[in-house]
Amino acid sequence: MAVIHQAHLVPTKLELIARWLPSQPWCPEGAGEPGAVGAYRFDDPDGEVGLEAHLVRVAGVLVHVPLAYRGAEQPGAADRLVGTMEHSVLGRRWVYDAGGDPVFARVLTDVLAGRARQAVLVDPAGAPLPAPLVRIAAGEPGTGTLTGQVTTAAVGGARVGVVRVLDGTSAAPVGASTLVGTWPGQEGPALLAWTAPTPARTA
């Protein structure tokens, strides 16, 4: 379960994403203020890292922004830092692009293997909150070559791919385990991310 606090955030998540997006090579040209479409969450089994992926629309294009919220700086991850925010309940949070985050990679792998699932949202008292608009599930194994606006990272023993621009043109490599999602206006499952074993090095 993901505990959702009724907190004041400075800057807000959407403001933080808006500041970071223009620096990304996959961000559509002429992007203005992003509009929120929906989000989904994963649970960190250790309860340390918040894992939340946002779908936002910029310049008429839908983009996918997974974030990892941490209570301290992550060593060696300055290149993935989206920014910091002040959380009225949890204090300062360091927000990272989750595409290369080891906790995100581990939980994504568990979800695709059926060992974990999308987080259920509850308030601090444990009462259930409305289900998120974005619903995710394991999809069919990849059958193509890597295409579309996708970023990849080698994390531990896995290669993690995150589809950034959700325009229906992306494909996962052959045999990759895939994460798909649906949301209002997207009734058929859309590819969001995938994992595959890191290719073995050859001598």
Protein backbone atom coordinates (compact mmCIF):
# COMPACT_ATOMS: atom_id res chain seq x y z
CA MET A 1 0.00 0.00 0.00
CA ALA A 2 1.09 3.57 -0.67
CA VAL A 3 0.25 6.03 2.11
CA ILE A 4 -0.91 9.34 0.63
CA HIS A 5 -0.57 12.36 2.92
CA GLN A 6 -2.68 15.46 2.51
CA ALA A 7 0.48 17.53 2.30
CA HIS A 8 1.61 20.87 0.93
CA LEU A 9 4.42 20.51 -1.64
CA VAL A 10 6.82 23.26 -2.70
CA PRO A 11 7.25 23.06 -5.63
CA THR A 12 4.38 20.80 -6.63
CA LYS A 13 5.14 17.61 -8.54
CA LEU A 14 3.81 19.11 -11.75
CA GLU A 15 5.91 22.25 -11.30
CA LEU A 16 9.01 20.13 -10.72
CA ILE A 17 8.31 18.06 -13.83
CA ALA A 18 7.71 21.25 -15.86
CA ARG A 19 11.14 22.61 -14.90
CA TRP A 20 12.92 19.35 -15.75
CA LEU A 21 11.22 18.31 -18.99
CA PRO A 22 12.81 20.89 -21.35
CA SER A 23 16.29 19.53 -20.54
CA GLN A 24 15.35 16.04 -21.75
CA PRO A 25 16.16 15.11 -25.37
CA TRP A 26 12.87 13.28 -25.78
CA CYS A 27 10.72 16.23 -24.65
CA PRO A 28 8.54 17.56 -27.49
CA GLU A 29 9.63 20.88 -28.96
CA GLY A 30 7.67 23.90 -27.89
CA ALA A 31 6.51 22.21 -24.67
CA GLY A 32 4.57 24.55 -22.43
CA GLU A 33 3.06 23.85 -19.05
CA PRO A 34 2.33 20.12 -18.65
CA GLY A 35 -1.16 18.93 -17.86
CA ALA A 36 -1.64 15.95 -15.55
CA VAL A 37 -3.37 12.90 -17.09
CA GLY A 38 -2.83 10.35 -14.31
CA ALA A 39 -0.26 8.41 -12.33
CA TYR A 40 0.49 4.99 -10.87
CA ARG A 41 2.57 3.92 -7.89
CA PHE A 42 4.69 1.00 -6.77
CA ASP A 43 5.52 -0.01 -3.20
CA ASP A 44 9.12 -0.08 -2.01
CA PRO A 45 9.18 -3.18 0.24
CA ASP A 46 11.62 -1.37 2.54
CA GLY A 47 9.36 1.67 2.79
CA GLU A 48 12.19 4.10 2.04
CA VAL A 49 11.65 5.26 -1.54
CA GLY A 50 8.44 6.63 -3.02
CA LEU A 51 7.88 5.33 -6.56
CA GLU A 52 5.35 7.17 -8.70
CA ALA A 53 5.07 7.46 -12.48
CA HIS A 54 3.26 10.43 -14.01
CA LEU A 55 1.54 10.73 -17.37
CA VAL A 56 1.49 14.36 -18.49
CA ARG A 57 0.51 16.04 -21.73
CA VAL A 58 2.86 18.65 -23.20
CA ALA A 59 2.55 20.29 -26.63
CA GLY A 60 -0.27 17.86 -27.41
CA VAL A 61 1.94 14.84 -26.69
CA LEU A 62 1.59 12.38 -23.81
CA VAL A 63 4.84 11.71 -21.94
CA HIS A 64 5.70 9.23 -19.18
CA VAL A 65 7.76 10.42 -16.20
CA PRO A 66 8.56 7.83 -13.48
CA LEU A 67 9.94 9.47 -10.33
CA ALA A 68 11.67 8.20 -7.20
CA TYR A 69 11.22 10.26 -4.02
CA ARG A 70 14.01 9.92 -1.46
CA GLY A 71 14.62 11.37 2.01
CA ALA A 72 18.31 11.99 1.27
CA GLU A 73 20.55 12.49 -1.73
CA GLN A 74 21.33 9.33 -3.67
CA PRO A 75 25.11 8.99 -4.13
CA GLY A 76 26.23 8.90 -7.74
CA ALA A 77 22.83 9.91 -9.13
CA ALA A 78 23.28 13.65 -9.71
CA ASP A 79 22.66 13.16 -13.44
CA ARG A 80 19.16 11.81 -12.65
CA LEU A 81 18.17 14.49 -10.14
CA VAL A 82 14.90 16.12 -11.18
CA GLY A 83 14.96 18.51 -8.21
CA THR A 84 14.08 18.85 -4.55
CA MET A 85 10.76 19.63 -2.91
CA GLU A 86 9.60 20.51 0.57
CA HIS A 87 6.92 18.13 1.84
CA SER A 88 4.91 19.51 4.76
CA VAL A 89 4.78 16.07 6.41
CA LEU A 90 7.96 14.27 5.30
CA GLY A 91 10.32 17.24 4.98
CA ARG A 92 12.78 17.70 2.14
CA ARG A 93 12.54 15.14 -0.64
CA TRP A 94 15.11 14.52 -3.35
CA VAL A 95 13.30 13.60 -6.56
CA TYR A 96 15.05 11.49 -9.20
CA ASP A 97 14.24 10.17 -12.64
CA ALA A 98 13.36 6.58 -11.71
CA GLY A 99 14.47 5.07 -15.02
CA GLY A 100 17.89 4.28 -13.57
CA ASP A 101 16.89 3.84 -9.94
CA PRO A 102 17.77 0.44 -8.42
CA VAL A 103 14.65 0.34 -6.25
CA PHE A 104 12.39 1.13 -9.20
CA ALA A 105 14.16 -1.54 -11.27
CA ARG A 106 13.77 -4.16 -8.52
CA VAL A 107 10.08 -3.44 -7.94
CA LEU A 108 9.32 -3.25 -11.67
CA THR A 109 10.98 -6.65 -12.11
CA ASP A 110 8.88 -8.04 -9.25
CA VAL A 111 5.67 -6.65 -10.74
CA LEU A 112 6.40 -8.18 -14.13
CA ALA A 113 7.21 -11.52 -12.48
CA GLY A 114 3.94 -11.50 -10.52
CA ARG A 115 5.65 -11.03 -7.14
CA ALA A 116 4.25 -7.51 -6.63
CA ARG A 117 1.48 -5.34 -8.02
CA GLN A 118 0.40 -1.76 -8.44
CA ALA A 119 0.20 0.02 -5.10
CA VAL A 120 -3.17 0.43 -3.42
CA LEU A 121 -3.62 4.01 -2.17
CA VAL A 122 -4.57 4.63 1.46
CA ASP A 123 -4.58 7.64 3.78
CA PRO A 124 -2.36 7.78 6.91
CA ALA A 125 -5.12 6.07 8.94
CA GLY A 126 -5.22 3.16 6.50
CA ALA A 127 -8.53 4.09 4.87
CA PRO A 128 -8.66 3.33 1.12
CA LEU A 129 -8.49 6.19 -1.35
CA PRO A 130 -9.97 6.22 -4.88
CA ALA A 131 -8.17 3.95 -7.32
CA PRO A 132 -5.72 5.72 -9.65
CA LEU A 133 -6.81 6.55 -13.18
CA VAL A 134 -3.83 4.71 -14.64
CA ARG A 135 -4.06 0.93 -14.28
CA ILE A 136 -0.98 -1.15 -15.01
CA ALA A 137 -0.32 -4.85 -15.60
CA ALA A 138 2.26 -7.19 -17.10
CA GLY A 139 1.94 -7.35 -20.88
CA GLU A 140 3.04 -9.77 -23.56
CA PRO A 141 6.80 -10.36 -24.00
CA GLY A 142 8.55 -8.03 -26.39
CA THR A 143 8.62 -9.20 -30.00
CA GLY A 144 10.49 -6.44 -31.82
CA THR A 145 13.58 -4.30 -31.83
CA LEU A 146 13.85 -1.28 -29.58
CA THR A 147 11.93 1.58 -31.19
CA GLY A 148 10.32 4.87 -30.21
CA GLN A 149 11.27 7.50 -27.66
CA VAL A 150 12.67 5.18 -24.98
CA THR A 151 15.44 5.62 -22.42
CA THR A 152 17.34 2.59 -21.16
CA ALA A 153 19.62 1.96 -18.20
CA ALA A 154 21.57 -1.02 -16.91
CA VAL A 155 20.55 -1.43 -13.27
CA GLY A 156 21.97 -4.40 -11.38
CA GLY A 157 21.50 -7.46 -13.57
CA ALA A 158 18.69 -5.95 -15.63
CA ARG A 159 18.28 -3.55 -18.51
CA VAL A 160 15.34 -1.24 -17.86
CA GLY A 161 13.53 0.59 -20.64
CA VAL A 162 11.09 3.45 -20.03
CA VAL A 163 8.84 4.60 -22.86
CA ARG A 164 8.90 8.38 -22.67
CA VAL A 165 6.57 9.47 -25.48
CA LEU A 166 3.34 7.47 -25.48
CA ASP A 167 2.46 7.79 -29.15
CA GLY A 168 2.03 4.09 -29.90
CA THR A 169 5.27 3.76 -31.89
CA SER A 170 7.43 2.12 -29.21
CA ALA A 171 8.29 -1.58 -29.09
CA ALA A 172 10.22 -3.69 -26.60
CA PRO A 173 13.11 -5.97 -27.56
CA VAL A 174 12.43 -9.63 -28.23
CA GLY A 175 11.81 -11.52 -25.00
CA ALA A 176 11.65 -8.45 -22.75
CA SER A 177 9.09 -8.47 -19.94
CA THR A 178 6.70 -5.57 -20.51
CA LEU A 179 4.57 -3.23 -18.41
CA VAL A 180 1.40 -1.91 -20.05
CA GLY A 181 -1.23 0.52 -18.87
CA THR A 182 -4.69 1.86 -19.57
CA TRP A 183 -6.27 5.16 -18.56
CA PRO A 184 -9.30 7.21 -19.61
CA GLY A 185 -9.05 7.68 -23.35
CA GLN A 186 -6.61 4.76 -23.69
CA GLU A 187 -8.66 1.61 -23.41
CA GLY A 188 -6.20 -0.72 -25.15
CA PRO A 189 -3.00 -1.53 -23.22
CA ALA A 190 -0.14 0.85 -24.04
CA LEU A 191 3.52 -0.06 -23.54
CA LEU A 192 5.03 1.88 -20.61
CA ALA A 193 8.25 0.09 -19.65
CA TRP A 194 10.15 -3.18 -19.94
CA THR A 195 12.97 -5.15 -18.39
CA ALA A 196 15.40 -7.61 -19.94
CA PRO A 197 18.53 -9.38 -18.72
CA THR A 198 21.72 -7.39 -19.23
CA PRO A 199 23.52 -8.90 -22.23
CA ALA A 200 26.51 -10.97 -21.21
CA ARG A 201 29.90 -9.48 -22.06
CA THR A 202 31.94 -11.21 -24.66
CA ALA A 203 35.70 -11.53 -24.52
